[in-house]
Amino acid sequence: MARHSTEQSVLGAGTKVTGRVSGEGDLRIEGSVRGEVQLNGDAEIAPEASIEGNLLAESVAVAGSLIGDVQARGPIAIHNGALVRGELKGSEISIELGARVAVRLDTELDFDFGATKRR
């Protein structure tokens, strides 16, 4: 399977988009988007950025605000200070302490409870 382009586009801090955003390569969002974002690359939502709409990407990192459903073929990372509401589907999902979330998770979960002790 071919890997997506390593090119990264940036939606700047003063930029506001209403409508659908799609493209090849990675996208760093520093402004705001009201609408669907669909990428053949990785998505990064900067601390002051916001998305109000669904997001489809290879992997997703959220430090800002995301209100909508996320579907990633790879991992989803929710960082300290992020605000996320919606359904998250990814190969793995991490949520840092300090993130504010109201989400439904859809992923394979593996719990490591350590070695079982016998008495």
C-alpha atoms as a PDB file:
ATOM      1  CA  MET A   1       0.000   0.000   0.000  1.00  0.00           C
ATOM      2  CA  ALA A   2       1.450   3.353  -1.032  1.00  0.00           C
ATOM      3  CA  ARG A   3       2.025   5.968   1.663  1.00  0.00           C
ATOM      4  CA  HIS A   4       0.456   9.394   1.166  1.00  0.00           C
ATOM      5  CA  SER A   5       2.485  12.430   0.153  1.00  0.00           C
ATOM      6  CA  THR A   6       4.761  13.982   2.781  1.00  0.00           C
ATOM      7  CA  GLU A   7       3.694  17.471   1.674  1.00  0.00           C
ATOM      8  CA  GLN A   8       1.984  19.529   4.392  1.00  0.00           C
ATOM      9  CA  SER A   9      -0.467  22.357   3.807  1.00  0.00           C
ATOM     10  CA  VAL A  10      -1.356  24.913   6.484  1.00  0.00           C
ATOM     11  CA  LEU A  11      -4.687  26.633   6.971  1.00  0.00           C
ATOM     12  CA  GLY A  12      -3.426  29.792   8.714  1.00  0.00           C
ATOM     13  CA  ALA A  13      -4.590  31.262  12.016  1.00  0.00           C
ATOM     14  CA  GLY A  14      -6.626  34.069  10.445  1.00  0.00           C
ATOM     15  CA  THR A  15      -8.358  31.798   7.933  1.00  0.00           C
ATOM     16  CA  LYS A  16     -12.027  30.783   8.216  1.00  0.00           C
ATOM     17  CA  VAL A  17     -13.422  28.166   5.845  1.00  0.00           C
ATOM     18  CA  THR A  18     -17.084  27.284   5.440  1.00  0.00           C
ATOM     19  CA  GLY A  19     -17.645  24.216   3.284  1.00  0.00           C
ATOM     20  CA  ARG A  20     -15.812  21.027   2.396  1.00  0.00           C
ATOM     21  CA  VAL A  21     -12.017  20.792   2.601  1.00  0.00           C
ATOM     22  CA  SER A  22     -10.307  17.877   0.839  1.00  0.00           C
ATOM     23  CA  GLY A  23      -6.856  17.079  -0.433  1.00  0.00           C
ATOM     24  CA  GLU A  24      -3.769  14.929  -0.717  1.00  0.00           C
ATOM     25  CA  GLY A  25      -0.990  15.173   1.854  1.00  0.00           C
ATOM     26  CA  ASP A  26      -0.983  16.416   5.423  1.00  0.00           C
ATOM     27  CA  LEU A  27      -2.939  19.416   6.723  1.00  0.00           C
ATOM     28  CA  ARG A  28      -2.257  21.578   9.769  1.00  0.00           C
ATOM     29  CA  ILE A  29      -5.288  23.650  10.744  1.00  0.00           C
ATOM     30  CA  GLU A  30      -4.531  26.830  12.686  1.00  0.00           C
ATOM     31  CA  GLY A  31      -7.741  28.697  11.742  1.00  0.00           C
ATOM     32  CA  SER A  32     -11.343  27.487  11.728  1.00  0.00           C
ATOM     33  CA  VAL A  33     -13.369  25.172   9.507  1.00  0.00           C
ATOM     34  CA  ARG A  34     -17.156  24.752   9.453  1.00  0.00           C
ATOM     35  CA  GLY A  35     -17.718  21.720   7.260  1.00  0.00           C
ATOM     36  CA  GLU A  36     -16.293  18.325   6.381  1.00  0.00           C
ATOM     37  CA  VAL A  37     -12.538  17.746   6.146  1.00  0.00           C
ATOM     38  CA  GLN A  38     -11.420  14.732   4.079  1.00  0.00           C
ATOM     39  CA  LEU A  39      -7.705  14.006   3.586  1.00  0.00           C
ATOM     40  CA  ASN A  40      -5.406  11.378   2.143  1.00  0.00           C
ATOM     41  CA  GLY A  41      -2.884  12.414   4.760  1.00  0.00           C
ATOM     42  CA  ASP A  42      -2.555  13.329   8.410  1.00  0.00           C
ATOM     43  CA  ALA A  43      -4.584  16.075  10.112  1.00  0.00           C
ATOM     44  CA  GLU A  44      -3.312  18.287  12.900  1.00  0.00           C
ATOM     45  CA  ILE A  45      -5.574  20.753  14.727  1.00  0.00           C
ATOM     46  CA  ALA A  46      -3.474  23.435  16.440  1.00  0.00           C
ATOM     47  CA  PRO A  47      -4.281  24.721  19.962  1.00  0.00           C
ATOM     48  CA  GLU A  48      -6.244  27.815  18.847  1.00  0.00           C
ATOM     49  CA  ALA A  49      -7.895  26.090  15.844  1.00  0.00           C
ATOM     50  CA  SER A  50     -11.409  24.691  15.519  1.00  0.00           C
ATOM     51  CA  ILE A  51     -13.334  22.316  13.306  1.00  0.00           C
ATOM     52  CA  GLU A  52     -17.106  22.045  13.380  1.00  0.00           C
ATOM     53  CA  GLY A  53     -17.790  19.079  11.120  1.00  0.00           C
ATOM     54  CA  ASN A  54     -16.665  15.539  10.395  1.00  0.00           C
ATOM     55  CA  LEU A  55     -13.014  14.672   9.771  1.00  0.00           C
ATOM     56  CA  LEU A  56     -11.569  11.764   7.751  1.00  0.00           C
ATOM     57  CA  ALA A  57      -7.770  11.352   7.617  1.00  0.00           C
ATOM     58  CA  GLU A  58      -4.895   8.878   7.911  1.00  0.00           C
ATOM     59  CA  SER A  59      -4.175  10.002  11.489  1.00  0.00           C
ATOM     60  CA  VAL A  60      -5.473  12.863  13.612  1.00  0.00           C
ATOM     61  CA  ALA A  61      -3.874  14.992  16.345  1.00  0.00           C
ATOM     62  CA  VAL A  62      -6.146  17.464  18.169  1.00  0.00           C
ATOM     63  CA  ALA A  63      -4.878  20.251  20.410  1.00  0.00           C
ATOM     64  CA  GLY A  64      -7.719  22.699  19.617  1.00  0.00           C
ATOM     65  CA  SER A  65     -11.488  22.251  19.312  1.00  0.00           C
ATOM     66  CA  LEU A  66     -13.245  19.586  17.256  1.00  0.00           C
ATOM     67  CA  ILE A  67     -17.017  19.162  17.259  1.00  0.00           C
ATOM     68  CA  GLY A  68     -17.899  16.280  14.945  1.00  0.00           C
ATOM     69  CA  ASP A  69     -17.088  12.680  14.150  1.00  0.00           C
ATOM     70  CA  VAL A  70     -13.527  11.564  13.380  1.00  0.00           C
ATOM     71  CA  GLN A  71     -12.562   8.553  11.290  1.00  0.00           C
ATOM     72  CA  ALA A  72      -8.852   7.759  11.004  1.00  0.00           C
ATOM     73  CA  ARG A  73      -7.171   4.797   9.361  1.00  0.00           C
ATOM     74  CA  GLY A  74      -4.368   5.244  11.914  1.00  0.00           C
ATOM     75  CA  PRO A  75      -4.154   6.712  15.428  1.00  0.00           C
ATOM     76  CA  ILE A  76      -6.114   9.575  16.958  1.00  0.00           C
ATOM     77  CA  ALA A  77      -4.372  11.681  19.639  1.00  0.00           C
ATOM     78  CA  ILE A  78      -6.312  14.132  21.817  1.00  0.00           C
ATOM     79  CA  HIS A  79      -3.863  16.472  23.566  1.00  0.00           C
ATOM     80  CA  ASN A  80      -4.006  18.396  26.848  1.00  0.00           C
ATOM     81  CA  GLY A  81      -6.259  21.455  26.451  1.00  0.00           C
ATOM     82  CA  ALA A  82      -8.253  20.040  23.516  1.00  0.00           C
ATOM     83  CA  LEU A  83     -12.055  20.079  23.397  1.00  0.00           C
ATOM     84  CA  VAL A  84     -13.579  17.180  21.455  1.00  0.00           C
ATOM     85  CA  ARG A  85     -17.212  16.103  21.033  1.00  0.00           C
ATOM     86  CA  GLY A  86     -18.314  13.328  18.696  1.00  0.00           C
ATOM     87  CA  GLU A  87     -17.503   9.766  17.706  1.00  0.00           C
ATOM     88  CA  LEU A  88     -13.868   8.693  17.341  1.00  0.00           C
ATOM     89  CA  LYS A  89     -12.938   5.740  15.102  1.00  0.00           C
ATOM     90  CA  GLY A  90      -9.265   4.885  14.735  1.00  0.00           C
ATOM     91  CA  SER A  91      -6.688   2.132  14.994  1.00  0.00           C
ATOM     92  CA  GLU A  92      -5.810   3.505  18.439  1.00  0.00           C
ATOM     93  CA  ILE A  93      -7.017   6.462  20.477  1.00  0.00           C
ATOM     94  CA  SER A  94      -5.091   8.369  23.132  1.00  0.00           C
ATOM     95  CA  ILE A  95      -6.518  11.086  25.357  1.00  0.00           C
ATOM     96  CA  GLU A  96      -4.131  13.152  27.463  1.00  0.00           C
ATOM     97  CA  LEU A  97      -4.925  14.337  30.951  1.00  0.00           C
ATOM     98  CA  GLY A  98      -6.428  17.828  30.730  1.00  0.00           C
ATOM     99  CA  ALA A  99      -8.352  17.235  27.497  1.00  0.00           C
ATOM    100  CA  ARG A 100     -12.105  17.862  27.637  1.00  0.00           C
ATOM    101  CA  VAL A 101     -13.989  15.133  25.805  1.00  0.00           C
ATOM    102  CA  ALA A 102     -17.554  13.929  25.314  1.00  0.00           C
ATOM    103  CA  VAL A 103     -17.008  11.115  22.837  1.00  0.00           C
ATOM    104  CA  ARG A 104     -18.006   7.650  21.733  1.00  0.00           C
ATOM    105  CA  LEU A 105     -14.953   5.472  21.041  1.00  0.00           C
ATOM    106  CA  ASP A 106     -14.742   2.865  18.292  1.00  0.00           C
ATOM    107  CA  THR A 107     -11.406   1.037  18.349  1.00  0.00           C
ATOM    108  CA  GLU A 108      -9.815  -2.245  19.341  1.00  0.00           C
ATOM    109  CA  LEU A 109      -8.958  -2.060  23.036  1.00  0.00           C
ATOM    110  CA  ASP A 110      -6.088  -3.919  24.673  1.00  0.00           C
ATOM    111  CA  PHE A 111      -5.778  -3.706  28.431  1.00  0.00           C
ATOM    112  CA  ASP A 112      -2.546  -4.617  30.193  1.00  0.00           C
ATOM    113  CA  PHE A 113      -3.293  -5.589  33.765  1.00  0.00           C
ATOM    114  CA  GLY A 114       0.224  -6.901  34.382  1.00  0.00           C
ATOM    115  CA  ALA A 115       1.104 -10.384  35.457  1.00  0.00           C
ATOM    116  CA  THR A 116      -1.514 -12.190  37.510  1.00  0.00           C
ATOM    117  CA  LYS A 117      -0.274 -12.875  41.032  1.00  0.00           C
ATOM    118  CA  ARG A 118      -1.025 -16.178  42.698  1.00  0.00           C
ATOM    119  CA  ARG A 119      -1.585 -16.426  46.401  1.00  0.00           C
END
